[in-house]
Amino acid sequence: MTAGELADAEAHEHTHADVSGGWLRAAVFGAMDGLVTNTALVAGVGGGGAAPRAIVLAGTASLVAGAISMALGEYTSVKTQNEQLDLEVAKERRELERNPVGELAELTDMLQARGVDARLARQVAVQLSADPEMALRLHVLAELGVNPEERPSPRVAAVSSFLTFGTGAALPLVPYFLGVPLLWVAVLCGAVGLFAAGALSARFTPRPWWFAGLRQLAFGAAAAGVTYLIGAAIGVAVT
């Protein structure tokens, strides 16, 4: 490698998307859930023959209750996940203190399993184990697949879920708020939102944007179609 190539290699920088299960997962899940839930709800209540006022009331109640539920669920889920990680890190720390020889051998085996020569693996393991915190991070990363210093925030996950659920759930209600109390327009708004949310989520996956958009649209259409039929059947039975 020439000096120029070495300089280019050293200057090269790249970043990765958030794959730790933090705000991104909560935001995508919240938006999708809000869209599917309220599009289907509006279709079901509207299919049952409810008046526009009743549809808006039901949709708004669903938006508020769903957003709060999603936020609390995300907070509890991520908080529990982090607490479980803390327990596992503490367990690994105790093992490193009680059985340093065995843990050193385990780290050596991990390096060998990744293709490092046996003698070099031993030398590297000894050098890394000289720093207890470094050894702890390596053991946790190898055994649990997570970096203990990079964990999702329960508050960020909760806020992301709350905001995106509310935004998604509001889309099918927009026509009613604007004085266009037509069920097909409300469902169309929900469909556009579903496709857009699916297409945007493709930015973080290897899927084409149109495929992700159509897939999410199909899921939402299935939910709305079933709910509409049930609402229509109940509406006929009640009347």
C-alpha atoms as a PDB file:
ATOM      1  CA  MET A   1       0.000   0.000   0.000  1.00  0.00           C
ATOM      2  CA  THR A   2       1.418   3.363  -1.033  1.00  0.00           C
ATOM      3  CA  ALA A   3       1.622   6.390   1.249  1.00  0.00           C
ATOM      4  CA  GLY A   4      -1.292   7.999  -0.614  1.00  0.00           C
ATOM      5  CA  GLU A   5      -3.449   4.906  -0.307  1.00  0.00           C
ATOM      6  CA  LEU A   6      -2.610   4.664   3.384  1.00  0.00           C
ATOM      7  CA  ALA A   7      -3.614   8.296   3.894  1.00  0.00           C
ATOM      8  CA  ASP A   8      -6.902   7.706   2.052  1.00  0.00           C
ATOM      9  CA  ALA A   9      -7.595   4.637   4.156  1.00  0.00           C
ATOM     10  CA  GLU A  10      -6.941   6.534   7.383  1.00  0.00           C
ATOM     11  CA  ALA A  11      -9.145   9.413   6.261  1.00  0.00           C
ATOM     12  CA  HIS A  12     -12.038   7.148   5.308  1.00  0.00           C
ATOM     13  CA  GLU A  13     -15.012   7.500   7.633  1.00  0.00           C
ATOM     14  CA  HIS A  14     -18.416   5.882   7.574  1.00  0.00           C
ATOM     15  CA  THR A  15     -21.441   5.681   9.802  1.00  0.00           C
ATOM     16  CA  HIS A  16     -24.107   3.088  10.493  1.00  0.00           C
ATOM     17  CA  ALA A  17     -27.813   3.379  11.087  1.00  0.00           C
ATOM     18  CA  ASP A  18     -29.274   2.839  14.544  1.00  0.00           C
ATOM     19  CA  VAL A  19     -29.821  -0.913  14.901  1.00  0.00           C
ATOM     20  CA  SER A  20     -29.863  -1.077  18.685  1.00  0.00           C
ATOM     21  CA  GLY A  21     -33.625  -1.074  18.971  1.00  0.00           C
ATOM     22  CA  GLY A  22     -33.895   2.500  20.267  1.00  0.00           C
ATOM     23  CA  TRP A  23     -35.787   5.452  18.776  1.00  0.00           C
ATOM     24  CA  LEU A  24     -35.899   4.109  15.213  1.00  0.00           C
ATOM     25  CA  ARG A  25     -37.730   0.899  16.040  1.00  0.00           C
ATOM     26  CA  ALA A  26     -40.123   2.735  18.342  1.00  0.00           C
ATOM     27  CA  ALA A  27     -40.797   5.453  15.751  1.00  0.00           C
ATOM     28  CA  VAL A  28     -41.437   3.036  12.876  1.00  0.00           C
ATOM     29  CA  PHE A  29     -43.589   0.741  14.994  1.00  0.00           C
ATOM     30  CA  GLY A  30     -45.535   3.677  16.431  1.00  0.00           C
ATOM     31  CA  ALA A  31     -46.277   5.222  13.029  1.00  0.00           C
ATOM     32  CA  MET A  32     -47.347   1.924  11.491  1.00  0.00           C
ATOM     33  CA  ASP A  33     -49.495   0.998  14.467  1.00  0.00           C
ATOM     34  CA  GLY A  34     -51.172   4.405  14.569  1.00  0.00           C
ATOM     35  CA  LEU A  35     -51.981   4.300  10.862  1.00  0.00           C
ATOM     36  CA  VAL A  36     -53.294   0.736  10.834  1.00  0.00           C
ATOM     37  CA  THR A  37     -55.251   1.140  14.069  1.00  0.00           C
ATOM     38  CA  ASN A  38     -57.112   4.321  13.214  1.00  0.00           C
ATOM     39  CA  THR A  39     -57.587   3.606   9.513  1.00  0.00           C
ATOM     40  CA  ALA A  40     -59.186   0.307  10.448  1.00  0.00           C
ATOM     41  CA  LEU A  41     -61.186   1.911  13.267  1.00  0.00           C
ATOM     42  CA  VAL A  42     -62.545   4.667  11.020  1.00  0.00           C
ATOM     43  CA  ALA A  43     -63.420   2.068   8.376  1.00  0.00           C
ATOM     44  CA  GLY A  44     -65.179  -0.123  10.918  1.00  0.00           C
ATOM     45  CA  VAL A  45     -67.146   2.614  12.636  1.00  0.00           C
ATOM     46  CA  GLY A  46     -67.970   4.255   9.321  1.00  0.00           C
ATOM     47  CA  GLY A  47     -68.968   0.907   7.831  1.00  0.00           C
ATOM     48  CA  GLY A  48     -71.396   0.468  10.687  1.00  0.00           C
ATOM     49  CA  GLY A  49     -73.198   3.637   9.636  1.00  0.00           C
ATOM     50  CA  ALA A  50     -71.988   5.904  12.426  1.00  0.00           C
ATOM     51  CA  ALA A  51     -72.326   9.653  12.026  1.00  0.00           C
ATOM     52  CA  PRO A  52     -69.195  11.722  11.294  1.00  0.00           C
ATOM     53  CA  ARG A  53     -69.251  13.115  14.829  1.00  0.00           C
ATOM     54  CA  ALA A  54     -69.137   9.594  16.270  1.00  0.00           C
ATOM     55  CA  ILE A  55     -66.280   8.649  13.939  1.00  0.00           C
ATOM     56  CA  VAL A  56     -64.242  11.679  15.009  1.00  0.00           C
ATOM     57  CA  LEU A  57     -64.947  10.981  18.683  1.00  0.00           C
ATOM     58  CA  ALA A  58     -63.977   7.318  18.395  1.00  0.00           C
ATOM     59  CA  GLY A  59     -60.896   8.110  16.310  1.00  0.00           C
ATOM     60  CA  THR A  60     -59.694  10.831  18.668  1.00  0.00           C
ATOM     61  CA  ALA A  61     -60.178   8.602  21.703  1.00  0.00           C
ATOM     62  CA  SER A  62     -58.247   5.845  19.944  1.00  0.00           C
ATOM     63  CA  LEU A  63     -55.450   8.273  19.059  1.00  0.00           C
ATOM     64  CA  VAL A  64     -54.997   9.517  22.622  1.00  0.00           C
ATOM     65  CA  ALA A  65     -55.358   6.136  24.301  1.00  0.00           C
ATOM     66  CA  GLY A  66     -53.158   4.398  21.746  1.00  0.00           C
ATOM     67  CA  ALA A  67     -50.375   6.984  21.896  1.00  0.00           C
ATOM     68  CA  ILE A  68     -50.260   6.822  25.700  1.00  0.00           C
ATOM     69  CA  SER A  69     -50.356   3.035  25.666  1.00  0.00           C
ATOM     70  CA  MET A  70     -47.583   2.818  23.081  1.00  0.00           C
ATOM     71  CA  ALA A  71     -45.389   5.260  24.992  1.00  0.00           C
ATOM     72  CA  LEU A  72     -45.826   3.438  28.294  1.00  0.00           C
ATOM     73  CA  GLY A  73     -45.283   0.079  26.623  1.00  0.00           C
ATOM     74  CA  GLU A  74     -42.086   1.227  24.912  1.00  0.00           C
ATOM     75  CA  TYR A  75     -40.746   2.800  28.103  1.00  0.00           C
ATOM     76  CA  THR A  76     -41.409  -0.337  30.137  1.00  0.00           C
ATOM     77  CA  SER A  77     -40.044  -2.637  27.446  1.00  0.00           C
ATOM     78  CA  VAL A  78     -36.778  -0.753  26.929  1.00  0.00           C
ATOM     79  CA  LYS A  79     -36.342  -0.142  30.672  1.00  0.00           C
ATOM     80  CA  THR A  80     -36.780  -3.861  31.374  1.00  0.00           C
ATOM     81  CA  GLN A  81     -34.356  -4.727  28.583  1.00  0.00           C
ATOM     82  CA  ASN A  82     -31.721  -2.399  30.041  1.00  0.00           C
ATOM     83  CA  GLU A  83     -32.233  -3.740  33.553  1.00  0.00           C
ATOM     84  CA  GLN A  84     -31.815  -7.286  32.284  1.00  0.00           C
ATOM     85  CA  LEU A  85     -28.598  -6.216  30.549  1.00  0.00           C
ATOM     86  CA  ASP A  86     -27.371  -4.680  33.822  1.00  0.00           C
ATOM     87  CA  LEU A  87     -27.930  -8.019  35.571  1.00  0.00           C
ATOM     88  CA  GLU A  88     -26.010  -9.909  32.894  1.00  0.00           C
ATOM     89  CA  VAL A  89     -23.139  -7.395  32.963  1.00  0.00           C
ATOM     90  CA  ALA A  90     -22.942  -7.700  36.758  1.00  0.00           C
ATOM     91  CA  LYS A  91     -22.893 -11.496  36.435  1.00  0.00           C
ATOM     92  CA  GLU A  92     -20.047 -11.326  33.900  1.00  0.00           C
ATOM     93  CA  ARG A  93     -18.134  -8.872  36.104  1.00  0.00           C
ATOM     94  CA  ARG A  94     -18.355 -11.315  39.035  1.00  0.00           C
ATOM     95  CA  GLU A  95     -17.082 -14.132  36.825  1.00  0.00           C
ATOM     96  CA  LEU A  96     -14.102 -12.040  35.744  1.00  0.00           C
ATOM     97  CA  GLU A  97     -13.275 -11.325  39.394  1.00  0.00           C
ATOM     98  CA  ARG A  98     -13.781 -14.900  40.656  1.00  0.00           C
ATOM     99  CA  ASN A  99     -12.293 -16.852  37.763  1.00  0.00           C
ATOM    100  CA  PRO A 100      -9.883 -14.660  35.777  1.00  0.00           C
ATOM    101  CA  VAL A 101      -7.961 -17.659  34.420  1.00  0.00           C
ATOM    102  CA  GLY A 102     -11.091 -19.307  33.063  1.00  0.00           C
ATOM    103  CA  GLU A 103     -12.342 -16.049  31.577  1.00  0.00           C
ATOM    104  CA  LEU A 104      -8.952 -15.468  29.937  1.00  0.00           C
ATOM    105  CA  ALA A 105      -9.161 -18.902  28.354  1.00  0.00           C
ATOM    106  CA  GLU A 106     -12.705 -18.138  27.219  1.00  0.00           C
ATOM    107  CA  LEU A 107     -11.595 -14.884  25.585  1.00  0.00           C
ATOM    108  CA  THR A 108      -8.739 -16.735  23.879  1.00  0.00           C
ATOM    109  CA  ASP A 109     -11.196 -19.276  22.492  1.00  0.00           C
ATOM    110  CA  MET A 110     -13.452 -16.462  21.230  1.00  0.00           C
ATOM    111  CA  LEU A 111     -10.566 -14.924  19.310  1.00  0.00           C
ATOM    112  CA  GLN A 112      -9.537 -18.278  17.874  1.00  0.00           C
ATOM    113  CA  ALA A 113     -13.108 -18.927  16.770  1.00  0.00           C
ATOM    114  CA  ARG A 114     -12.862 -15.705  14.770  1.00  0.00           C
ATOM    115  CA  GLY A 115      -9.780 -16.915  12.910  1.00  0.00           C
ATOM    116  CA  VAL A 116      -6.932 -15.612  15.075  1.00  0.00           C
ATOM    117  CA  ASP A 117      -3.903 -17.889  15.421  1.00  0.00           C
ATOM    118  CA  ALA A 118      -3.770 -19.712  18.768  1.00  0.00           C
ATOM    119  CA  ARG A 119      -0.556 -18.090  20.007  1.00  0.00           C
ATOM    120  CA  LEU A 120      -1.574 -14.622  18.864  1.00  0.00           C
ATOM    121  CA  ALA A 121      -5.059 -15.111  20.323  1.00  0.00           C
ATOM    122  CA  ARG A 122      -3.498 -15.851  23.702  1.00  0.00           C
ATOM    123  CA  GLN A 123      -1.270 -12.769  23.523  1.00  0.00           C
ATOM    124  CA  VAL A 124      -4.139 -10.526  22.498  1.00  0.00           C
ATOM    125  CA  ALA A 125      -6.395 -11.952  25.213  1.00  0.00           C
ATOM    126  CA  VAL A 126      -3.735 -11.308  27.872  1.00  0.00           C
ATOM    127  CA  GLN A 127      -3.213  -7.755  26.655  1.00  0.00           C
ATOM    128  CA  LEU A 128      -6.932  -6.980  26.533  1.00  0.00           C
ATOM    129  CA  SER A 129      -7.569  -8.561  29.923  1.00  0.00           C
ATOM    130  CA  ALA A 130      -5.072  -6.168  31.496  1.00  0.00           C
ATOM    131  CA  ASP A 131      -7.901  -3.624  31.336  1.00  0.00           C
ATOM    132  CA  PRO A 132     -10.824  -5.123  33.334  1.00  0.00           C
ATOM    133  CA  GLU A 133     -13.415  -2.821  31.750  1.00  0.00           C
ATOM    134  CA  MET A 134     -12.217  -3.648  28.253  1.00  0.00           C
ATOM    135  CA  ALA A 135     -12.335  -7.361  29.050  1.00  0.00           C
ATOM    136  CA  LEU A 136     -15.838  -6.955  30.439  1.00  0.00           C
ATOM    137  CA  ARG A 137     -17.073  -5.173  27.303  1.00  0.00           C
ATOM    138  CA  LEU A 138     -15.562  -7.837  25.057  1.00  0.00           C
ATOM    139  CA  HIS A 139     -17.113 -10.709  27.012  1.00  0.00           C
ATOM    140  CA  VAL A 140     -20.541  -9.057  27.084  1.00  0.00           C
ATOM    141  CA  LEU A 141     -20.369  -8.210  23.391  1.00  0.00           C
ATOM    142  CA  ALA A 142     -19.319 -11.728  22.453  1.00  0.00           C
ATOM    143  CA  GLU A 143     -21.746 -13.563  24.725  1.00  0.00           C
ATOM    144  CA  LEU A 144     -24.797 -11.263  24.602  1.00  0.00           C
ATOM    145  CA  GLY A 145     -24.283  -9.549  21.267  1.00  0.00           C
ATOM    146  CA  VAL A 146     -24.668  -6.031  22.712  1.00  0.00           C
ATOM    147  CA  ASN A 147     -22.327  -3.270  23.798  1.00  0.00           C
ATOM    148  CA  PRO A 148     -23.149  -2.391  27.429  1.00  0.00           C
ATOM    149  CA  GLU A 149     -22.223   1.240  26.735  1.00  0.00           C
ATOM    150  CA  GLU A 150     -24.637   1.583  23.803  1.00  0.00           C
ATOM    151  CA  ARG A 151     -28.114   0.929  25.068  1.00  0.00           C
ATOM    152  CA  PRO A 152     -31.409   2.504  23.957  1.00  0.00           C
ATOM    153  CA  SER A 153     -33.002   5.230  26.067  1.00  0.00           C
ATOM    154  CA  PRO A 154     -36.442   4.375  27.503  1.00  0.00           C
ATOM    155  CA  ARG A 155     -37.454   8.050  27.413  1.00  0.00           C
ATOM    156  CA  VAL A 156     -36.430   8.519  23.787  1.00  0.00           C
ATOM    157  CA  ALA A 157     -38.255   5.340  22.785  1.00  0.00           C
ATOM    158  CA  ALA A 158     -41.386   6.447  24.649  1.00  0.00           C
ATOM    159  CA  VAL A 159     -41.441   9.958  23.165  1.00  0.00           C
ATOM    160  CA  SER A 160     -40.743   8.641  19.650  1.00  0.00           C
ATOM    161  CA  SER A 161     -43.539   6.109  19.926  1.00  0.00           C
ATOM    162  CA  PHE A 162     -45.998   8.653  21.360  1.00  0.00           C
ATOM    163  CA  LEU A 163     -45.382  11.234  18.661  1.00  0.00           C
ATOM    164  CA  THR A 164     -45.324   8.881  15.681  1.00  0.00           C
ATOM    165  CA  PHE A 165     -48.386   6.912  16.809  1.00  0.00           C
ATOM    166  CA  GLY A 166     -50.316  10.130  17.256  1.00  0.00           C
ATOM    167  CA  THR A 167     -49.216  11.427  13.861  1.00  0.00           C
ATOM    168  CA  GLY A 168     -50.140   8.207  12.091  1.00  0.00           C
ATOM    169  CA  ALA A 169     -53.469   7.903  13.883  1.00  0.00           C
ATOM    170  CA  ALA A 170     -54.386  11.502  13.013  1.00  0.00           C
ATOM    171  CA  LEU A 171     -54.132  11.052   9.236  1.00  0.00           C
ATOM    172  CA  PRO A 172     -57.454   9.212   8.702  1.00  0.00           C
ATOM    173  CA  LEU A 173     -59.191  11.901  10.770  1.00  0.00           C
ATOM    174  CA  VAL A 174     -57.825  14.850   8.785  1.00  0.00           C
ATOM    175  CA  PRO A 175     -60.740  14.963   6.277  1.00  0.00           C
ATOM    176  CA  TYR A 176     -63.272  15.140   9.116  1.00  0.00           C
ATOM    177  CA  PHE A 177     -61.345  17.942  10.820  1.00  0.00           C
ATOM    178  CA  LEU A 178     -61.253  19.828   7.506  1.00  0.00           C
ATOM    179  CA  GLY A 179     -64.992  19.516   6.985  1.00  0.00           C
ATOM    180  CA  VAL A 180     -64.922  16.639   4.471  1.00  0.00           C
ATOM    181  CA  PRO A 181     -66.883  13.928   6.321  1.00  0.00           C
ATOM    182  CA  LEU A 182     -66.502  11.246   3.643  1.00  0.00           C
ATOM    183  CA  LEU A 183     -65.425   7.755   4.668  1.00  0.00           C
ATOM    184  CA  TRP A 184     -63.637   6.962   1.412  1.00  0.00           C
ATOM    185  CA  VAL A 185     -61.547  10.139   1.685  1.00  0.00           C
ATOM    186  CA  ALA A 186     -60.552   9.242   5.255  1.00  0.00           C
ATOM    187  CA  VAL A 187     -59.569   5.721   4.211  1.00  0.00           C
ATOM    188  CA  LEU A 188     -57.643   7.134   1.245  1.00  0.00           C
ATOM    189  CA  CYS A 189     -55.677   9.411   3.571  1.00  0.00           C
ATOM    190  CA  GLY A 190     -54.850   6.418   5.738  1.00  0.00           C
ATOM    191  CA  ALA A 191     -53.780   4.445   2.661  1.00  0.00           C
ATOM    192  CA  VAL A 192     -51.469   7.222   1.495  1.00  0.00           C
ATOM    193  CA  GLY A 193     -49.973   7.416   4.965  1.00  0.00           C
ATOM    194  CA  LEU A 194     -49.443   3.653   5.099  1.00  0.00           C
ATOM    195  CA  PHE A 195     -47.666   3.611   1.763  1.00  0.00           C
ATOM    196  CA  ALA A 196     -45.514   6.621   2.686  1.00  0.00           C
ATOM    197  CA  ALA A 197     -44.556   5.156   6.078  1.00  0.00           C
ATOM    198  CA  GLY A 198     -43.629   1.850   4.503  1.00  0.00           C
ATOM    199  CA  ALA A 199     -41.604   3.554   1.787  1.00  0.00           C
ATOM    200  CA  LEU A 200     -39.736   5.691   4.341  1.00  0.00           C
ATOM    201  CA  SER A 201     -38.910   2.650   6.459  1.00  0.00           C
ATOM    202  CA  ALA A 202     -37.169   1.125   3.417  1.00  0.00           C
ATOM    203  CA  ARG A 203     -34.368   3.656   3.873  1.00  0.00           C
ATOM    204  CA  PHE A 204     -33.123   1.519   6.765  1.00  0.00           C
ATOM    205  CA  THR A 205     -33.546  -1.852   5.009  1.00  0.00           C
ATOM    206  CA  PRO A 206     -32.333  -3.481   1.778  1.00  0.00           C
ATOM    207  CA  ARG A 207     -35.910  -3.576   0.428  1.00  0.00           C
ATOM    208  CA  PRO A 208     -36.979  -1.304  -2.467  1.00  0.00           C
ATOM    209  CA  TRP A 209     -39.095   1.646  -1.306  1.00  0.00           C
ATOM    210  CA  TRP A 210     -42.039   0.636  -3.482  1.00  0.00           C
ATOM    211  CA  PHE A 211     -42.036  -2.907  -2.105  1.00  0.00           C
ATOM    212  CA  ALA A 212     -42.001  -1.740   1.516  1.00  0.00           C
ATOM    213  CA  GLY A 213     -44.714   0.819   0.754  1.00  0.00           C
ATOM    214  CA  LEU A 214     -46.995  -1.675  -0.987  1.00  0.00           C
ATOM    215  CA  ARG A 215     -46.439  -4.279   1.718  1.00  0.00           C
ATOM    216  CA  GLN A 216     -47.497  -1.891   4.460  1.00  0.00           C
ATOM    217  CA  LEU A 217     -50.428  -0.715   2.360  1.00  0.00           C
ATOM    218  CA  ALA A 218     -51.549  -4.315   1.901  1.00  0.00           C
ATOM    219  CA  PHE A 219     -51.372  -4.977   5.650  1.00  0.00           C
ATOM    220  CA  GLY A 220     -53.386  -1.847   6.411  1.00  0.00           C
ATOM    221  CA  ALA A 221     -55.914  -2.566   3.662  1.00  0.00           C
ATOM    222  CA  ALA A 222     -56.487  -6.060   5.013  1.00  0.00           C
ATOM    223  CA  ALA A 223     -57.084  -4.727   8.534  1.00  0.00           C
ATOM    224  CA  ALA A 224     -59.383  -1.950   7.297  1.00  0.00           C
ATOM    225  CA  GLY A 225     -61.297  -4.315   5.001  1.00  0.00           C
ATOM    226  CA  VAL A 226     -61.979  -6.854   7.718  1.00  0.00           C
ATOM    227  CA  THR A 227     -62.966  -4.139  10.202  1.00  0.00           C
ATOM    228  CA  TYR A 228     -65.248  -2.479   7.666  1.00  0.00           C
ATOM    229  CA  LEU A 229     -67.071  -5.760   6.978  1.00  0.00           C
ATOM    230  CA  ILE A 230     -67.487  -6.436  10.691  1.00  0.00           C
ATOM    231  CA  GLY A 231     -68.732  -2.885  11.287  1.00  0.00           C
ATOM    232  CA  ALA A 232     -71.179  -3.150   8.409  1.00  0.00           C
ATOM    233  CA  ALA A 233     -72.485  -6.491   9.675  1.00  0.00           C
ATOM    234  CA  ILE A 234     -72.946  -5.174  13.209  1.00  0.00           C
ATOM    235  CA  GLY A 235     -74.572  -2.015  11.906  1.00  0.00           C
ATOM    236  CA  VAL A 236     -77.123  -4.018   9.929  1.00  0.00           C
ATOM    237  CA  ALA A 237     -77.783  -6.344  12.893  1.00  0.00           C
ATOM    238  CA  VAL A 238     -78.293  -3.467  15.317  1.00  0.00           C
ATOM    239  CA  THR A 239     -80.627  -1.524  13.045  1.00  0.00           C
END
